[in-house]
Amino acid sequence: MSTAQFDTGVTEFVGKLRAFIRARVPDDATADDLAQETMLKVYRSRASLREDERLEAWLYRIARRTLIDYYRKRRPSEELPASLKSESEDELGAIRDAVLISTIRYMEELPGAYRVPLQLSDLEGMSMAEISARLGLTLTAVKSRIRRGRQMLKKMLQECCHFEFDQHGKVISWERRNPRCCD
């Protein structure tokens, strides 16, 4: 990602990040200070952004860490506010269920060339070689269609909801962007 693209991408989310921070702190001045600190961290750690298409999740992760640092400095022995604590196992299960249901629903909207190999692989657990034989496609074509199908699903889900992931890539939090999805 070029510097101009990075700057443009970050600029698009400044307002959202400030609102995210403001919802978790007591006043506007603190929110402004923490938003500025977050932007400094974003630009200082630009090199750590591994996947350009995950810019938004990366920005929110930095904002969340800035908030946690703020609360720890203020009162190191106090518990973090509930809005910053990690979700319980029940909440995480509900998040994963919502993502799974939405994924399956969006999978039905994919063109058949991508949907069928993806369903056979991800829902039925078939190997790529088995899918290749079953559909009469080359192994390379199957791999390509599954990869492209997953990319299409990811885009649909990201248009629907904002997700936060842990260091292992598991969904740990989400916010609905569109009231008709992720439910």
Protein backbone atom coordinates (compact mmCIF):
# COMPACT_ATOMS: atom_id res chain seq x y z
CA MET A 1 0.00 0.00 0.00
CA SER A 2 1.43 3.36 -0.97
CA THR A 3 1.79 6.20 1.52
CA ALA A 4 -1.02 8.12 -0.20
CA GLN A 5 -3.33 5.10 -0.06
CA PHE A 6 -2.47 4.54 3.59
CA ASP A 7 -3.12 8.22 4.42
CA THR A 8 -6.44 8.15 2.58
CA GLY A 9 -7.50 4.91 4.28
CA VAL A 10 -6.61 6.19 7.74
CA THR A 11 -8.30 9.55 7.11
CA GLU A 12 -11.57 7.76 6.26
CA PHE A 13 -11.66 6.21 9.73
CA VAL A 14 -10.57 9.14 11.92
CA GLY A 15 -14.16 10.14 12.73
CA LYS A 16 -15.20 6.58 13.49
CA LEU A 17 -12.16 6.01 15.70
CA ARG A 18 -12.81 9.21 17.62
CA ALA A 19 -16.45 8.17 18.16
CA PHE A 20 -15.28 4.70 19.23
CA ILE A 21 -12.94 6.29 21.77
CA ARG A 22 -15.47 8.93 22.90
CA ALA A 23 -18.00 6.20 23.77
CA ARG A 24 -15.46 4.75 26.20
CA VAL A 25 -14.10 7.82 28.00
CA PRO A 26 -15.71 10.43 30.28
CA ASP A 27 -15.29 13.62 28.19
CA ASP A 28 -14.56 15.13 24.78
CA ALA A 29 -11.11 16.46 25.71
CA THR A 30 -9.92 13.01 26.77
CA ALA A 31 -11.39 11.52 23.59
CA ASP A 32 -9.53 14.09 21.48
CA ASP A 33 -6.25 13.41 23.30
CA LEU A 34 -6.61 9.64 22.94
CA ALA A 35 -7.63 9.92 19.28
CA GLN A 36 -4.51 11.99 18.63
CA GLU A 37 -2.36 9.47 20.54
CA THR A 38 -3.95 6.67 18.50
CA MET A 39 -3.11 8.45 15.24
CA LEU A 40 0.49 8.88 16.37
CA LYS A 41 0.71 5.17 17.11
CA VAL A 42 -0.89 4.37 13.75
CA TYR A 43 1.72 6.34 11.82
CA ARG A 44 4.62 5.12 13.95
CA SER A 45 3.64 1.48 13.51
CA ARG A 46 2.61 1.62 9.85
CA ALA A 47 5.16 -1.06 8.98
CA SER A 48 3.32 -3.57 11.18
CA LEU A 49 0.24 -3.51 8.92
CA ARG A 50 0.53 -6.86 7.16
CA GLU A 51 -2.65 -6.99 5.11
CA ASP A 52 -3.84 -3.80 3.45
CA GLU A 53 -7.46 -4.97 3.37
CA ARG A 54 -7.45 -5.33 7.18
CA LEU A 55 -6.66 -1.66 7.77
CA GLU A 56 -9.88 -0.97 9.67
CA ALA A 57 -9.44 -3.87 12.11
CA TRP A 58 -5.81 -2.83 12.63
CA LEU A 59 -6.85 0.76 13.41
CA TYR A 60 -9.49 -0.36 15.92
CA ARG A 61 -6.97 -2.68 17.59
CA ILE A 62 -4.58 0.24 18.10
CA ALA A 63 -7.42 2.42 19.44
CA ARG A 64 -8.48 -0.31 21.88
CA ARG A 65 -4.90 -0.70 23.14
CA THR A 66 -4.61 3.07 23.56
CA LEU A 67 -7.78 3.03 25.67
CA ILE A 68 -6.51 0.16 27.78
CA ASP A 69 -3.22 1.98 28.35
CA TYR A 70 -5.16 5.11 29.36
CA TYR A 71 -7.22 3.27 31.97
CA ARG A 72 -4.24 1.35 33.32
CA LYS A 73 -2.23 4.55 33.78
CA ARG A 74 -5.14 6.27 35.48
CA ARG A 75 -5.95 3.53 37.93
CA PRO A 76 -3.62 0.57 37.63
CA SER A 77 -5.39 -1.44 40.31
CA GLU A 78 -8.93 -0.82 39.05
CA GLU A 79 -10.72 -3.14 36.67
CA LEU A 80 -11.09 -2.09 33.06
CA PRO A 81 -14.51 -0.75 32.03
CA ALA A 82 -16.87 -3.46 30.78
CA SER A 83 -16.73 -2.03 27.25
CA LEU A 84 -13.00 -2.84 27.07
CA LYS A 85 -12.98 -6.24 28.71
CA SER A 86 -12.84 -9.21 26.43
CA GLU A 87 -16.14 -10.90 25.89
CA SER A 88 -17.24 -13.94 27.87
CA GLU A 89 -17.25 -17.36 26.27
CA ASP A 90 -21.03 -17.07 25.75
CA GLU A 91 -20.60 -13.74 23.96
CA LEU A 92 -17.76 -15.13 21.86
CA GLY A 93 -19.92 -18.12 20.96
CA ALA A 94 -22.76 -15.79 19.95
CA ILE A 95 -20.36 -13.75 17.80
CA ARG A 96 -19.03 -16.87 16.08
CA ASP A 97 -22.58 -18.17 15.52
CA ALA A 98 -23.62 -14.85 13.94
CA VAL A 99 -20.58 -14.91 11.67
CA LEU A 100 -21.22 -18.53 10.69
CA ILE A 101 -24.90 -17.94 9.92
CA SER A 102 -24.08 -14.83 7.88
CA THR A 103 -21.28 -16.66 6.06
CA ILE A 104 -23.61 -19.48 5.07
CA ARG A 105 -26.28 -16.99 3.98
CA TYR A 106 -23.80 -15.00 1.89
CA MET A 107 -22.34 -18.20 0.46
CA GLU A 108 -25.72 -18.80 -1.19
CA GLU A 109 -25.34 -15.47 -3.01
CA LEU A 110 -22.02 -16.42 -4.62
CA PRO A 111 -21.94 -17.48 -8.27
CA GLY A 112 -22.14 -21.28 -8.55
CA ALA A 113 -18.59 -21.53 -9.90
CA TYR A 114 -17.32 -20.32 -6.51
CA ARG A 115 -20.14 -21.42 -4.22
CA VAL A 116 -20.06 -25.15 -5.01
CA PRO A 117 -16.30 -25.73 -4.48
CA LEU A 118 -16.40 -23.58 -1.35
CA GLN A 119 -19.36 -25.48 0.12
CA LEU A 120 -17.73 -28.82 -0.63
CA SER A 121 -14.50 -27.70 0.99
CA ASP A 122 -15.64 -25.66 3.99
CA LEU A 123 -19.03 -27.15 4.82
CA GLU A 124 -18.61 -30.77 3.76
CA GLY A 125 -14.90 -31.08 4.51
CA MET A 126 -13.88 -32.56 1.18
CA SER A 127 -10.26 -32.35 0.12
CA MET A 128 -9.36 -30.25 -2.89
CA ALA A 129 -8.40 -33.38 -4.81
CA GLU A 130 -11.85 -34.89 -4.12
CA ILE A 131 -13.55 -31.68 -5.24
CA SER A 132 -11.40 -31.64 -8.38
CA ALA A 133 -12.47 -35.17 -9.27
CA ARG A 134 -16.12 -34.58 -8.39
CA LEU A 135 -16.44 -31.36 -10.41
CA GLY A 136 -14.13 -32.34 -13.27
CA LEU A 137 -11.84 -29.36 -12.67
CA THR A 138 -8.10 -29.14 -12.33
CA LEU A 139 -6.70 -28.92 -8.82
CA THR A 140 -5.43 -25.42 -9.62
CA ALA A 141 -8.92 -24.31 -10.71
CA VAL A 142 -10.45 -25.68 -7.49
CA LYS A 143 -7.89 -23.91 -5.33
CA SER A 144 -8.40 -20.68 -7.23
CA ARG A 145 -12.20 -20.82 -7.00
CA ILE A 146 -12.12 -21.58 -3.29
CA ARG A 147 -9.71 -18.72 -2.65
CA ARG A 148 -11.77 -16.28 -4.72
CA GLY A 149 -15.00 -17.47 -3.09
CA ARG A 150 -13.51 -16.85 0.36
CA GLN A 151 -12.39 -13.37 -0.71
CA MET A 152 -15.92 -12.59 -1.93
CA LEU A 153 -17.41 -13.83 1.35
CA LYS A 154 -14.94 -11.79 3.36
CA LYS A 155 -15.86 -8.65 1.41
CA MET A 156 -19.58 -9.27 1.96
CA LEU A 157 -19.08 -9.79 5.68
CA GLN A 158 -16.88 -6.69 6.03
CA GLU A 159 -19.50 -4.58 4.24
CA CYS A 160 -22.06 -5.89 6.70
CA CYS A 161 -20.15 -5.71 9.99
CA HIS A 162 -16.92 -4.44 11.55
CA PHE A 163 -14.96 -7.29 13.13
CA GLU A 164 -12.09 -7.34 15.60
CA PHE A 165 -9.81 -10.34 15.65
CA ASP A 166 -7.41 -11.78 18.20
CA GLN A 167 -3.79 -12.59 17.38
CA HIS A 168 -4.90 -16.00 16.06
CA GLY A 169 -7.41 -14.54 13.60
CA LYS A 170 -10.50 -15.50 15.62
CA VAL A 171 -13.37 -13.01 15.84
CA ILE A 172 -13.46 -11.45 19.31
CA SER A 173 -15.82 -8.53 18.72
CA TRP A 174 -18.10 -7.12 16.06
CA GLU A 175 -20.31 -4.15 15.36
CA ARG A 176 -23.17 -4.28 12.89
CA ARG A 177 -22.93 -1.75 10.04
CA ASN A 178 -26.15 -2.82 8.37
CA PRO A 179 -29.20 -3.74 10.50
CA ARG A 180 -30.18 -6.54 8.09
CA CYS A 181 -27.02 -8.60 8.44
CA CYS A 182 -24.90 -10.51 10.96
CA ASP A 183 -27.88 -11.82 12.86
